[in-house]
C-alpha atoms as a PDB file:
ATOM      1  CA  MET A   1     -57.801  30.262   4.318  1.00  0.00           C
ATOM      2  CA  ALA A   2     -59.043  26.791   5.245  1.00  0.00           C
ATOM      3  CA  PRO A   3     -56.528  24.332   6.720  1.00  0.00           C
ATOM      4  CA  SER A   4     -57.105  22.006   3.803  1.00  0.00           C
ATOM      5  CA  ASP A   5     -55.832  24.703   1.457  1.00  0.00           C
ATOM      6  CA  LYS A   6     -52.327  24.751   3.025  1.00  0.00           C
ATOM      7  CA  LYS A   7     -49.579  23.574   0.674  1.00  0.00           C
ATOM      8  CA  ARG A   8     -48.257  20.120   1.493  1.00  0.00           C
ATOM      9  CA  LEU A   9     -44.549  19.298   1.170  1.00  0.00           C
ATOM     10  CA  PRO A  10     -43.951  16.775  -1.598  1.00  0.00           C
ATOM     11  CA  GLN A  11     -43.218  13.272  -0.318  1.00  0.00           C
ATOM     12  CA  VAL A  12     -39.860  11.740  -1.215  1.00  0.00           C
ATOM     13  CA  PRO A  13     -40.349   8.396  -2.929  1.00  0.00           C
ATOM     14  CA  GLU A  14     -39.299   5.437  -0.798  1.00  0.00           C
ATOM     15  CA  SER A  15     -37.038   4.111  -3.568  1.00  0.00           C
ATOM     16  CA  LEU A  16     -35.088   7.398  -3.566  1.00  0.00           C
ATOM     17  CA  LEU A  17     -34.702   7.319   0.228  1.00  0.00           C
ATOM     18  CA  LYS A  18     -33.430   3.760  -0.027  1.00  0.00           C
ATOM     19  CA  LYS A  19     -30.965   4.769  -2.755  1.00  0.00           C
ATOM     20  CA  ARG A  20     -29.670   7.683  -0.645  1.00  0.00           C
ATOM     21  CA  LYS A  21     -29.173   5.359   2.331  1.00  0.00           C
ATOM     22  CA  GLN A  22     -27.279   2.851   0.168  1.00  0.00           C
ATOM     23  CA  ASN A  23     -25.055   5.619  -1.222  1.00  0.00           C
ATOM     24  CA  ALA A  24     -24.305   6.909   2.289  1.00  0.00           C
ATOM     25  CA  GLU A  25     -23.435   3.391   3.470  1.00  0.00           C
ATOM     26  CA  ALA A  26     -21.212   2.834   0.411  1.00  0.00           C
ATOM     27  CA  ARG A  27     -19.361   6.122   1.083  1.00  0.00           C
ATOM     28  CA  ALA A  28     -18.857   5.180   4.734  1.00  0.00           C
ATOM     29  CA  LYS A  29     -17.608   1.723   3.739  1.00  0.00           C
ATOM     30  CA  LYS A  30     -15.212   3.214   1.179  1.00  0.00           C
ATOM     31  CA  ALA A  31     -13.868   5.724   3.715  1.00  0.00           C
ATOM     32  CA  LYS A  32     -13.315   2.938   6.265  1.00  0.00           C
ATOM     33  CA  ALA A  33     -11.536   0.791   3.658  1.00  0.00           C
ATOM     34  CA  ALA A  34      -9.291   3.738   2.716  1.00  0.00           C
ATOM     35  CA  ILE A  35      -8.310   4.201   6.383  1.00  0.00           C
ATOM     36  CA  LEU A  36      -7.558   0.479   6.744  1.00  0.00           C
ATOM     37  CA  ASP A  37      -5.525   0.494   3.491  1.00  0.00           C
ATOM     38  CA  LYS A  38      -3.535   3.468   4.753  1.00  0.00           C
ATOM     39  CA  LYS A  39      -2.799   1.690   8.035  1.00  0.00           C
ATOM     40  CA  ALA A  40      -1.819  -1.496   6.186  1.00  0.00           C
ATOM     41  CA  MET A  41       0.525   0.461   3.893  1.00  0.00           C
ATOM     42  CA  ARG A  42       2.167   2.145   6.899  1.00  0.00           C
ATOM     43  CA  ALA A  43       2.625  -1.232   8.590  1.00  0.00           C
ATOM     44  CA  LYS A  44       4.089  -2.734   5.402  1.00  0.00           C
ATOM     45  CA  ARG A  45       6.512   0.183   4.953  1.00  0.00           C
ATOM     46  CA  SER A  46       7.657  -0.369   8.526  1.00  0.00           C
ATOM     47  CA  VAL A  47       8.247  -4.092   7.865  1.00  0.00           C
ATOM     48  CA  ILE A  48      10.199  -3.331   4.663  1.00  0.00           C
ATOM     49  CA  PHE A  49      12.331  -0.705   6.447  1.00  0.00           C
ATOM     50  CA  LYS A  50      13.154  -3.105   9.302  1.00  0.00           C
ATOM     51  CA  ARG A  51      14.080  -5.872   6.849  1.00  0.00           C
ATOM     52  CA  ALA A  52      16.369  -3.516   4.928  1.00  0.00           C
ATOM     53  CA  GLU A  53      18.073  -2.527   8.205  1.00  0.00           C
ATOM     54  CA  LYS A  54      18.503  -6.202   9.138  1.00  0.00           C
ATOM     55  CA  TYR A  55      20.087  -6.990   5.757  1.00  0.00           C
ATOM     56  CA  VAL A  56      22.513  -4.053   6.002  1.00  0.00           C
ATOM     57  CA  LYS A  57      23.613  -5.297   9.438  1.00  0.00           C
ATOM     58  CA  GLU A  58      23.982  -8.855   8.098  1.00  0.00           C
ATOM     59  CA  TYR A  59      26.121  -7.714   5.128  1.00  0.00           C
ATOM     60  CA  ARG A  60      28.346  -5.560   7.370  1.00  0.00           C
ATOM     61  CA  ASN A  61      28.853  -8.343   9.908  1.00  0.00           C
ATOM     62  CA  LYS A  62      29.833 -10.772   7.142  1.00  0.00           C
ATOM     63  CA  GLU A  63      32.338  -8.257   5.757  1.00  0.00           C
ATOM     64  CA  LYS A  64      33.809  -7.677   9.241  1.00  0.00           C
ATOM     65  CA  ASP A  65      34.110 -11.428   9.800  1.00  0.00           C
ATOM     66  CA  GLU A  66      35.984 -11.828   6.501  1.00  0.00           C
ATOM     67  CA  ILE A  67      38.448  -9.069   7.478  1.00  0.00           C
ATOM     68  CA  ARG A  68      38.909 -10.505  10.993  1.00  0.00           C
ATOM     69  CA  LEU A  69      39.537 -14.054   9.735  1.00  0.00           C
ATOM     70  CA  SER A  70      41.975 -12.776   7.113  1.00  0.00           C
ATOM     71  CA  ARG A  71      43.946 -10.813   9.745  1.00  0.00           C
ATOM     72  CA  GLU A  72      44.021 -13.763  12.142  1.00  0.00           C
ATOM     73  CA  ALA A  73      45.326 -16.075   9.410  1.00  0.00           C
ATOM     74  CA  LYS A  74      48.010 -13.540   8.430  1.00  0.00           C
ATOM     75  CA  LYS A  75      49.009 -13.099  12.067  1.00  0.00           C
ATOM     76  CA  HIS A  76      49.692 -16.837  12.354  1.00  0.00           C
ATOM     77  CA  GLY A  77      51.526 -16.994   9.029  1.00  0.00           C
ATOM     78  CA  ASN A  78      48.639 -18.608   7.190  1.00  0.00           C
ATOM     79  CA  PHE A  79      46.398 -17.649   4.298  1.00  0.00           C
ATOM     80  CA  TYR A  80      42.681 -17.184   4.775  1.00  0.00           C
ATOM     81  CA  VAL A  81      40.690 -19.053   2.146  1.00  0.00           C
ATOM     82  CA  PRO A  82      37.157 -17.621   1.824  1.00  0.00           C
ATOM     83  CA  GLU A  83      34.245 -19.968   1.156  1.00  0.00           C
ATOM     84  CA  GLN A  84      33.597 -20.965  -2.434  1.00  0.00           C
ATOM     85  CA  PRO A  85      31.339 -18.506  -4.299  1.00  0.00           C
ATOM     86  CA  LYS A  86      27.740 -19.687  -4.572  1.00  0.00           C
ATOM     87  CA  LEU A  87      26.534 -17.124  -7.111  1.00  0.00           C
ATOM     88  CA  ALA A  88      27.496 -16.381 -10.711  1.00  0.00           C
ATOM     89  CA  PHE A  89      26.276 -13.864 -13.249  1.00  0.00           C
ATOM     90  CA  VAL A  90      26.314 -15.393 -16.723  1.00  0.00           C
ATOM     91  CA  THR A  91      26.133 -13.422 -19.983  1.00  0.00           C
ATOM     92  CA  ARG A  92      25.712 -14.804 -23.486  1.00  0.00           C
ATOM     93  CA  ILE A  93      28.356 -13.347 -25.822  1.00  0.00           C
ATOM     94  CA  ARG A  94      27.902 -15.319 -29.067  1.00  0.00           C
ATOM     95  CA  GLY A  95      25.186 -16.743 -31.284  1.00  0.00           C
ATOM     96  CA  ILE A  96      24.648 -20.494 -31.482  1.00  0.00           C
ATOM     97  CA  ASN A  97      23.740 -21.080 -35.138  1.00  0.00           C
ATOM     98  CA  GLY A  98      25.204 -24.355 -36.381  1.00  0.00           C
ATOM     99  CA  VAL A  99      26.399 -25.231 -32.883  1.00  0.00           C
ATOM    100  CA  HIS A 100      26.382 -28.650 -31.203  1.00  0.00           C
ATOM    101  CA  PRO A 101      23.050 -29.391 -29.430  1.00  0.00           C
ATOM    102  CA  LYS A 102      24.656 -29.579 -25.947  1.00  0.00           C
ATOM    103  CA  PRO A 103      25.741 -25.909 -25.682  1.00  0.00           C
ATOM    104  CA  ARG A 104      22.444 -24.910 -27.299  1.00  0.00           C
ATOM    105  CA  LYS A 105      20.523 -26.848 -24.621  1.00  0.00           C
ATOM    106  CA  VAL A 106      22.557 -25.235 -21.842  1.00  0.00           C
ATOM    107  CA  MET A 107      21.723 -21.785 -23.223  1.00  0.00           C
ATOM    108  CA  GLN A 108      18.035 -22.673 -23.193  1.00  0.00           C
ATOM    109  CA  LEU A 109      18.205 -23.963 -19.610  1.00  0.00           C
ATOM    110  CA  PHE A 110      19.942 -20.759 -18.510  1.00  0.00           C
ATOM    111  CA  ARG A 111      17.298 -18.706 -20.411  1.00  0.00           C
ATOM    112  CA  LEU A 112      20.013 -17.015 -22.489  1.00  0.00           C
ATOM    113  CA  ARG A 113      18.017 -16.734 -25.696  1.00  0.00           C
ATOM    114  CA  GLN A 114      19.723 -13.620 -27.099  1.00  0.00           C
ATOM    115  CA  ILE A 115      23.250 -12.220 -27.244  1.00  0.00           C
ATOM    116  CA  ASN A 116      23.979  -9.971 -24.213  1.00  0.00           C
ATOM    117  CA  ASN A 117      21.255 -11.609 -22.109  1.00  0.00           C
ATOM    118  CA  GLY A 118      22.418 -12.150 -18.519  1.00  0.00           C
ATOM    119  CA  VAL A 119      21.122 -14.245 -15.609  1.00  0.00           C
ATOM    120  CA  PHE A 120      22.022 -15.121 -12.030  1.00  0.00           C
ATOM    121  CA  VAL A 121      23.011 -18.771 -11.577  1.00  0.00           C
ATOM    122  CA  LYS A 122      23.416 -20.807  -8.391  1.00  0.00           C
ATOM    123  CA  LEU A 123      26.805 -22.523  -8.491  1.00  0.00           C
ATOM    124  CA  ASN A 124      26.984 -26.232  -7.775  1.00  0.00           C
ATOM    125  CA  LYS A 125      28.560 -29.268  -9.425  1.00  0.00           C
ATOM    126  CA  ALA A 126      25.823 -29.517 -12.075  1.00  0.00           C
ATOM    127  CA  THR A 127      25.766 -25.831 -13.059  1.00  0.00           C
ATOM    128  CA  LEU A 128      29.579 -25.623 -13.151  1.00  0.00           C
ATOM    129  CA  HIS A 129      29.562 -28.548 -15.590  1.00  0.00           C
ATOM    130  CA  MET A 130      26.933 -26.742 -17.696  1.00  0.00           C
ATOM    131  CA  LEU A 131      29.020 -23.555 -17.683  1.00  0.00           C
ATOM    132  CA  ARG A 132      32.029 -25.481 -18.983  1.00  0.00           C
ATOM    133  CA  ILE A 133      29.930 -26.933 -21.831  1.00  0.00           C
ATOM    134  CA  ALA A 134      28.723 -23.460 -22.853  1.00  0.00           C
ATOM    135  CA  GLU A 135      32.039 -21.670 -22.179  1.00  0.00           C
ATOM    136  CA  PRO A 136      32.784 -20.569 -25.776  1.00  0.00           C
ATOM    137  CA  PHE A 137      29.430 -18.776 -25.926  1.00  0.00           C
ATOM    138  CA  ILE A 138      29.233 -17.199 -22.483  1.00  0.00           C
ATOM    139  CA  SER A 139      31.116 -14.962 -20.092  1.00  0.00           C
ATOM    140  CA  TRP A 140      30.644 -15.301 -16.348  1.00  0.00           C
ATOM    141  CA  GLY A 141      31.937 -14.160 -12.985  1.00  0.00           C
ATOM    142  CA  TYR A 142      31.125 -13.723  -9.312  1.00  0.00           C
ATOM    143  CA  PRO A 143      29.019 -10.603  -8.627  1.00  0.00           C
ATOM    144  CA  ASN A 144      29.414  -8.694  -5.360  1.00  0.00           C
ATOM    145  CA  LEU A 145      26.554  -7.097  -3.422  1.00  0.00           C
ATOM    146  CA  LYS A 146      26.965  -3.752  -5.192  1.00  0.00           C
ATOM    147  CA  SER A 147      26.737  -5.416  -8.632  1.00  0.00           C
ATOM    148  CA  VAL A 148      23.630  -7.415  -7.702  1.00  0.00           C
ATOM    149  CA  ARG A 149      21.921  -4.337  -6.258  1.00  0.00           C
ATOM    150  CA  GLU A 150      22.738  -2.163  -9.292  1.00  0.00           C
ATOM    151  CA  LEU A 151      21.552  -4.815 -11.742  1.00  0.00           C
ATOM    152  CA  VAL A 152      18.231  -5.337  -9.953  1.00  0.00           C
ATOM    153  CA  TYR A 153      17.519  -1.648  -9.298  1.00  0.00           C
ATOM    154  CA  LYS A 154      18.719  -0.206 -12.618  1.00  0.00           C
ATOM    155  CA  ARG A 155      18.079  -3.003 -15.114  1.00  0.00           C
ATOM    156  CA  GLY A 156      15.732  -5.389 -13.340  1.00  0.00           C
ATOM    157  CA  TYR A 157      12.438  -6.490 -14.896  1.00  0.00           C
ATOM    158  CA  GLY A 158      10.011  -9.073 -13.567  1.00  0.00           C
ATOM    159  CA  LYS A 159       8.085 -11.799 -15.349  1.00  0.00           C
ATOM    160  CA  ILE A 160       4.375 -11.038 -14.928  1.00  0.00           C
ATOM    161  CA  ASP A 161       1.944 -13.123 -17.015  1.00  0.00           C
ATOM    162  CA  ASN A 162       4.876 -13.964 -19.333  1.00  0.00           C
ATOM    163  CA  ARG A 163       5.496 -10.263 -19.932  1.00  0.00           C
ATOM    164  CA  ARG A 164       8.623  -8.215 -19.205  1.00  0.00           C
ATOM    165  CA  THR A 165       7.481  -5.796 -16.492  1.00  0.00           C
ATOM    166  CA  ALA A 166       9.505  -2.945 -14.962  1.00  0.00           C
ATOM    167  CA  LEU A 167       9.972  -3.256 -11.193  1.00  0.00           C
ATOM    168  CA  THR A 168       8.512   0.166 -10.420  1.00  0.00           C
ATOM    169  CA  ASP A 169       6.696  -0.900  -7.253  1.00  0.00           C
ATOM    170  CA  ASN A 170       7.249  -3.397  -4.447  1.00  0.00           C
ATOM    171  CA  ALA A 171       3.664  -4.550  -5.020  1.00  0.00           C
ATOM    172  CA  ILE A 172       4.801  -6.200  -8.293  1.00  0.00           C
ATOM    173  CA  ILE A 173       7.318  -8.313  -6.372  1.00  0.00           C
ATOM    174  CA  GLU A 174       4.867  -9.048  -3.559  1.00  0.00           C
ATOM    175  CA  GLN A 175       2.219 -10.197  -6.031  1.00  0.00           C
ATOM    176  CA  LYS A 176       4.457 -12.968  -7.393  1.00  0.00           C
ATOM    177  CA  LEU A 177       6.792 -13.839  -4.518  1.00  0.00           C
ATOM    178  CA  SER A 178       5.006 -13.102  -1.219  1.00  0.00           C
ATOM    179  CA  LYS A 179       4.378 -16.834  -0.650  1.00  0.00           C
ATOM    180  CA  PHE A 180       8.169 -17.220  -0.521  1.00  0.00           C
ATOM    181  CA  GLY A 181       8.544 -14.366   1.993  1.00  0.00           C
ATOM    182  CA  ILE A 182       9.793 -11.913  -0.659  1.00  0.00           C
ATOM    183  CA  ILE A 183       7.782  -8.664  -0.695  1.00  0.00           C
ATOM    184  CA  CYS A 184      10.215  -5.916  -1.770  1.00  0.00           C
ATOM    185  CA  MET A 185      13.371  -5.112  -3.747  1.00  0.00           C
ATOM    186  CA  GLU A 186      15.695  -5.624  -0.766  1.00  0.00           C
ATOM    187  CA  ASP A 187      14.156  -9.057  -0.099  1.00  0.00           C
ATOM    188  CA  LEU A 188      14.747  -9.962  -3.751  1.00  0.00           C
ATOM    189  CA  ILE A 189      18.360  -8.720  -3.688  1.00  0.00           C
ATOM    190  CA  HIS A 190      19.033 -10.588  -0.424  1.00  0.00           C
ATOM    191  CA  GLU A 191      17.599 -13.848  -1.759  1.00  0.00           C
ATOM    192  CA  ILE A 192      19.721 -13.590  -4.932  1.00  0.00           C
ATOM    193  CA  PHE A 193      22.979 -12.453  -3.301  1.00  0.00           C
ATOM    194  CA  THR A 194      22.892 -14.983  -0.456  1.00  0.00           C
ATOM    195  CA  VAL A 195      21.545 -17.735  -2.753  1.00  0.00           C
ATOM    196  CA  GLY A 196      18.737 -18.304  -0.279  1.00  0.00           C
ATOM    197  CA  PRO A 197      16.291 -21.237  -0.107  1.00  0.00           C
ATOM    198  CA  ASN A 198      13.978 -19.569  -2.633  1.00  0.00           C
ATOM    199  CA  PHE A 199      16.730 -18.547  -5.057  1.00  0.00           C
ATOM    200  CA  LYS A 200      15.178 -20.493  -7.933  1.00  0.00           C
ATOM    201  CA  GLN A 201      11.830 -18.692  -7.631  1.00  0.00           C
ATOM    202  CA  ALA A 202      13.523 -15.298  -7.194  1.00  0.00           C
ATOM    203  CA  SER A 203      15.933 -15.697 -10.123  1.00  0.00           C
ATOM    204  CA  HIS A 204      13.247 -17.063 -12.452  1.00  0.00           C
ATOM    205  CA  PHE A 205      10.970 -14.159 -11.536  1.00  0.00           C
ATOM    206  CA  LEU A 206      13.642 -11.816 -12.917  1.00  0.00           C
ATOM    207  CA  TRP A 207      13.522 -11.453 -16.694  1.00  0.00           C
ATOM    208  CA  PRO A 208      16.952 -12.116 -18.271  1.00  0.00           C
ATOM    209  CA  PHE A 209      18.950  -8.883 -18.099  1.00  0.00           C
ATOM    210  CA  LYS A 210      19.734  -6.992 -21.284  1.00  0.00           C
END
């Protein structure tokens, strides 16, 4: 058989080779991104865990200080007067049909649009005055850490694009509040309970409780 009669292997079109190369590069890029995402998630989990530990220590130290100051006052025949509460939980208990505009306006400002809606409120001279105006239509008290945590974890919803969204993932909180240093549930609880510098943003992120 003459050499010219040998079968030649079919040539792969250049466009197909280029496509294969692009696909291989895309797969490599995707794999690298997945590794980086995994590392970032691990780092974020570590940050969240450390913050939670720090908050637990802070809460315990505050509780110990309260007990110590109370014992010292008792020992010297005095009464320990704790600092004035800074946080209230306010619930609407009545409708406002045919009601004076002032209580109605207060309800709107507190975002209490329906009966049994509840919100966290920072206590100061102005808000205490507003609470007195709306008193016949609301019930309110001072929540402890356990109450705040249970409300946020069990009944908490966030406001995302004006929609009531379940807080099923820390990413939901991070998306809206990361610029205020709030990236997880424990950050949110801490900001609310301690009435931190970004309380307004944190409390308004939370949809009124039902």
